[in-house]
Amino acid sequence: MNMTQFPLKTHGDQDEDPKIDIDKNSFYKVFNIYLERKTVYYNGVFQKNVDEIRRTLEPKKNDGNEKWMRIGDLTFNKIDNSWKLTLIYIDTNNLK
């Protein structure tokens, strides 16, 4: 949680989906929903987001730059010389 910028922003799967700000009290619930969600297609099988994170030892060069980085559906920004989680792409319709 120390590496998260609050309120944490969310963006739905579709542009018209609600955008919800997540506070510290809701963070673990929302992050666990994200980790368990099967959205990653790998080796012919849909896998959980947590599996994609485990496979990502280092971000690819085209996944960001020195101030911004995206790993899967997680967006990080460099804030005060530290990387912070700032946005999660998640099905926000299930967060209400």
Protein backbone atom coordinates (compact mmCIF):
# COMPACT_ATOMS: atom_id res chain seq x y z
CA MET A 1 0.00 0.00 0.00
CA ASN A 2 2.99 2.31 0.49
CA MET A 3 3.64 2.16 -3.25
CA THR A 4 0.11 3.34 -4.11
CA GLN A 5 -1.07 6.87 -4.80
CA PHE A 6 -4.44 7.49 -3.13
CA PRO A 7 -7.07 7.90 -4.16
CA LEU A 8 -6.22 5.09 -6.57
CA LYS A 9 -7.94 5.62 -9.90
CA THR A 10 -9.78 2.87 -11.76
CA HIS A 11 -10.81 2.67 -15.37
CA GLY A 12 -13.38 0.18 -16.61
CA ASP A 13 -13.09 -2.22 -19.52
CA GLN A 14 -15.22 0.08 -21.67
CA ASP A 15 -14.98 3.87 -22.00
CA GLU A 16 -18.55 4.26 -20.70
CA ASP A 17 -17.87 2.19 -17.55
CA PRO A 18 -17.77 4.14 -14.29
CA LYS A 19 -14.46 5.48 -13.06
CA ILE A 20 -14.14 4.92 -9.33
CA ASP A 21 -11.59 6.34 -6.90
CA ILE A 22 -10.37 3.77 -4.38
CA ASP A 23 -9.37 4.86 -0.89
CA LYS A 24 -7.04 3.05 1.51
CA ASN A 25 -9.95 1.30 3.23
CA SER A 26 -11.09 -0.36 -0.03
CA PHE A 27 -7.65 -1.01 -1.51
CA TYR A 28 -7.13 -4.63 -0.44
CA LYS A 29 -10.61 -5.69 -1.51
CA VAL A 30 -10.27 -4.09 -4.94
CA PHE A 31 -6.69 -5.25 -5.47
CA ASN A 32 -7.62 -8.84 -4.61
CA ILE A 33 -10.48 -8.68 -7.13
CA TYR A 34 -7.96 -7.48 -9.71
CA LEU A 35 -5.40 -10.20 -8.90
CA GLU A 36 -7.93 -13.02 -9.14
CA ARG A 37 -9.52 -11.83 -12.38
CA LYS A 38 -8.82 -14.00 -15.41
CA THR A 39 -8.03 -11.60 -18.25
CA VAL A 40 -4.59 -12.68 -19.40
CA TYR A 41 -4.42 -15.06 -22.37
CA TYR A 42 -1.16 -16.99 -22.08
CA ASN A 43 -0.20 -20.30 -23.72
CA GLY A 44 -3.76 -20.78 -24.97
CA VAL A 45 -5.41 -20.37 -21.57
CA PHE A 46 -6.97 -17.45 -19.71
CA GLN A 47 -4.98 -16.88 -16.55
CA LYS A 48 -5.29 -14.62 -13.54
CA ASN A 49 -3.68 -11.19 -13.43
CA VAL A 50 -1.50 -12.37 -10.54
CA ASP A 51 0.09 -14.92 -12.91
CA GLU A 52 0.96 -12.16 -15.38
CA ILE A 53 2.59 -10.13 -12.60
CA ARG A 54 4.67 -13.13 -11.54
CA ARG A 55 5.90 -13.60 -15.12
CA THR A 56 6.90 -9.93 -15.46
CA LEU A 57 10.40 -9.73 -14.02
CA GLU A 58 11.13 -6.49 -15.86
CA PRO A 59 8.82 -4.25 -17.86
CA LYS A 60 9.41 -4.10 -21.60
CA LYS A 61 10.88 -0.88 -22.98
CA ASN A 62 7.69 -0.06 -24.89
CA ASP A 63 5.60 -0.40 -21.69
CA GLY A 64 6.55 3.08 -20.51
CA ASN A 65 9.34 5.57 -19.95
CA GLU A 66 11.26 7.14 -17.07
CA LYS A 67 8.10 8.70 -15.59
CA TRP A 68 5.33 6.26 -16.50
CA MET A 69 5.06 2.47 -16.72
CA ARG A 70 2.30 -0.03 -17.43
CA ILE A 71 2.47 -3.68 -16.41
CA GLY A 72 -0.61 -5.58 -17.50
CA ASP A 73 -3.58 -3.54 -16.31
CA LEU A 74 -1.57 -1.63 -13.69
CA THR A 75 -0.26 1.86 -14.35
CA PHE A 76 2.60 3.34 -12.32
CA ASN A 77 3.89 6.91 -12.25
CA LYS A 78 7.11 8.23 -10.79
CA ILE A 79 6.09 10.62 -8.01
CA ASP A 80 8.72 12.31 -5.85
CA ASN A 81 11.36 9.93 -7.23
CA SER A 82 9.37 6.81 -6.22
CA TRP A 83 7.19 4.53 -8.34
CA LYS A 84 3.52 4.58 -7.29
CA LEU A 85 0.54 2.57 -8.51
CA THR A 86 -1.85 5.22 -9.83
CA LEU A 87 -4.43 3.40 -11.97
CA ILE A 88 -5.97 -0.06 -12.32
CA TYR A 89 -7.95 -1.16 -15.37
CA ILE A 90 -10.66 -3.36 -13.88
CA ASP A 91 -14.34 -4.17 -14.39
CA THR A 92 -15.65 -1.23 -12.37
CA ASN A 93 -19.25 -2.41 -12.75
CA ASN A 94 -18.44 -5.08 -10.15
CA LEU A 95 -16.96 -2.59 -7.67
CA LYS A 96 -20.19 -0.76 -6.85
